[in-house]
């Protein structure tokens, strides 16, 4: 079996697993954030920041996939 068929599979896993992990994290952060904002509306900026941090994981997964595909 040709090992080059594993390259697209690895790239897909890099993006897919990063997206699943980010989705799970953002679901928990979002539900907790809704409770925090309901009690303290001035914390909205902090919650937006905390929701944006896991998105970097998907961006890094995409970067790894691009490196896998093009190198």
C-alpha atoms as a PDB file:
ATOM      1  CA  UNK A   1       0.000   0.000   0.000  1.00  0.00           C
ATOM      2  CA  UNK A   2       1.316   3.416  -0.949  1.00  0.00           C
ATOM      3  CA  UNK A   3       2.146   5.551   2.122  1.00  0.00           C
ATOM      4  CA  UNK A   4       1.171   8.762   0.304  1.00  0.00           C
ATOM      5  CA  UNK A   5      -2.526   7.959   0.805  1.00  0.00           C
ATOM      6  CA  UNK A   6      -2.085   8.639   4.520  1.00  0.00           C
ATOM      7  CA  UNK A   7      -1.139  12.295   3.975  1.00  0.00           C
ATOM      8  CA  UNK A   8      -4.697  13.569   3.305  1.00  0.00           C
ATOM      9  CA  UNK A   9      -6.022  11.397   6.113  1.00  0.00           C
ATOM     10  CA  UNK A  10      -3.523  12.937   8.541  1.00  0.00           C
ATOM     11  CA  UNK A  11      -4.387  16.444   7.376  1.00  0.00           C
ATOM     12  CA  UNK A  12      -8.093  15.768   7.793  1.00  0.00           C
ATOM     13  CA  UNK A  13      -7.546  14.374  11.263  1.00  0.00           C
ATOM     14  CA  UNK A  14      -5.485  17.429  12.237  1.00  0.00           C
ATOM     15  CA  UNK A  15      -8.327  19.792  11.372  1.00  0.00           C
ATOM     16  CA  UNK A  16     -11.197  17.527  12.385  1.00  0.00           C
ATOM     17  CA  UNK A  17      -9.946  16.583  15.835  1.00  0.00           C
ATOM     18  CA  UNK A  18      -8.956  20.168  16.573  1.00  0.00           C
ATOM     19  CA  UNK A  19     -12.457  21.301  15.596  1.00  0.00           C
ATOM     20  CA  UNK A  20     -14.116  18.661  17.779  1.00  0.00           C
ATOM     21  CA  UNK A  21     -11.988  19.643  20.764  1.00  0.00           C
ATOM     22  CA  UNK A  22     -12.719  23.312  20.224  1.00  0.00           C
ATOM     23  CA  UNK A  23     -16.442  22.654  19.915  1.00  0.00           C
ATOM     24  CA  UNK A  24     -16.500  20.745  23.185  1.00  0.00           C
ATOM     25  CA  UNK A  25     -14.536  23.471  24.965  1.00  0.00           C
ATOM     26  CA  UNK A  26     -16.637  26.302  23.579  1.00  0.00           C
ATOM     27  CA  UNK A  27     -19.841  24.554  24.549  1.00  0.00           C
ATOM     28  CA  UNK A  28     -18.776  24.417  28.177  1.00  0.00           C
ATOM     29  CA  UNK A  29     -17.324  27.916  28.154  1.00  0.00           C
ATOM     30  CA  UNK A  30     -20.436  29.322  26.477  1.00  0.00           C
ATOM     31  CA  UNK A  31     -22.845  27.792  28.952  1.00  0.00           C
ATOM     32  CA  UNK A  32     -20.783  28.983  31.907  1.00  0.00           C
ATOM     33  CA  UNK A  33     -20.395  32.391  30.260  1.00  0.00           C
ATOM     34  CA  UNK A  34     -24.145  32.787  29.888  1.00  0.00           C
ATOM     35  CA  UNK A  35     -24.519  32.311  33.628  1.00  0.00           C
ATOM     36  CA  UNK A  36     -21.716  34.732  34.415  1.00  0.00           C
ATOM     37  CA  UNK A  37     -23.087  37.430  32.095  1.00  0.00           C
ATOM     38  CA  UNK A  38     -26.567  36.988  33.589  1.00  0.00           C
ATOM     39  CA  UNK A  39     -25.180  37.745  37.041  1.00  0.00           C
ATOM     40  CA  UNK A  40     -22.470  40.266  36.105  1.00  0.00           C
ATOM     41  CA  UNK A  41     -23.100  42.007  32.763  1.00  0.00           C
ATOM     42  CA  UNK A  42     -19.789  43.869  33.004  1.00  0.00           C
ATOM     43  CA  UNK A  43     -17.922  40.546  32.460  1.00  0.00           C
ATOM     44  CA  UNK A  44     -18.981  40.289  28.798  1.00  0.00           C
ATOM     45  CA  UNK A  45     -15.538  41.311  27.526  1.00  0.00           C
ATOM     46  CA  UNK A  46     -13.822  38.596  29.538  1.00  0.00           C
ATOM     47  CA  UNK A  47     -16.263  35.981  28.294  1.00  0.00           C
ATOM     48  CA  UNK A  48     -15.756  36.988  24.666  1.00  0.00           C
ATOM     49  CA  UNK A  49     -12.016  36.628  25.185  1.00  0.00           C
ATOM     50  CA  UNK A  50     -12.439  33.216  26.809  1.00  0.00           C
ATOM     51  CA  UNK A  51     -14.576  32.066  23.878  1.00  0.00           C
ATOM     52  CA  UNK A  52     -11.988  33.267  21.359  1.00  0.00           C
ATOM     53  CA  UNK A  53      -9.032  31.469  22.932  1.00  0.00           C
ATOM     54  CA  UNK A  54     -10.072  27.913  21.910  1.00  0.00           C
ATOM     55  CA  UNK A  55     -10.507  29.078  18.297  1.00  0.00           C
ATOM     56  CA  UNK A  56      -6.739  29.282  18.042  1.00  0.00           C
ATOM     57  CA  UNK A  57      -6.664  25.481  18.312  1.00  0.00           C
ATOM     58  CA  UNK A  58      -8.605  25.146  15.043  1.00  0.00           C
ATOM     59  CA  UNK A  59      -6.332  27.678  13.364  1.00  0.00           C
ATOM     60  CA  UNK A  60      -3.300  25.706  14.503  1.00  0.00           C
ATOM     61  CA  UNK A  61      -4.909  22.478  13.281  1.00  0.00           C
ATOM     62  CA  UNK A  62      -5.429  24.092   9.894  1.00  0.00           C
ATOM     63  CA  UNK A  63      -1.797  25.237   9.849  1.00  0.00           C
ATOM     64  CA  UNK A  64      -0.603  21.714  10.654  1.00  0.00           C
ATOM     65  CA  UNK A  65      -2.825  20.303   7.908  1.00  0.00           C
ATOM     66  CA  UNK A  66      -1.389  22.796   5.412  1.00  0.00           C
ATOM     67  CA  UNK A  67       2.130  21.846   6.424  1.00  0.00           C
ATOM     68  CA  UNK A  68       1.300  18.146   6.097  1.00  0.00           C
ATOM     69  CA  UNK A  69      -0.224  18.609   2.651  1.00  0.00           C
ATOM     70  CA  UNK A  70       2.330  20.960   1.135  1.00  0.00           C
ATOM     71  CA  UNK A  71       5.622  19.645   2.521  1.00  0.00           C
END
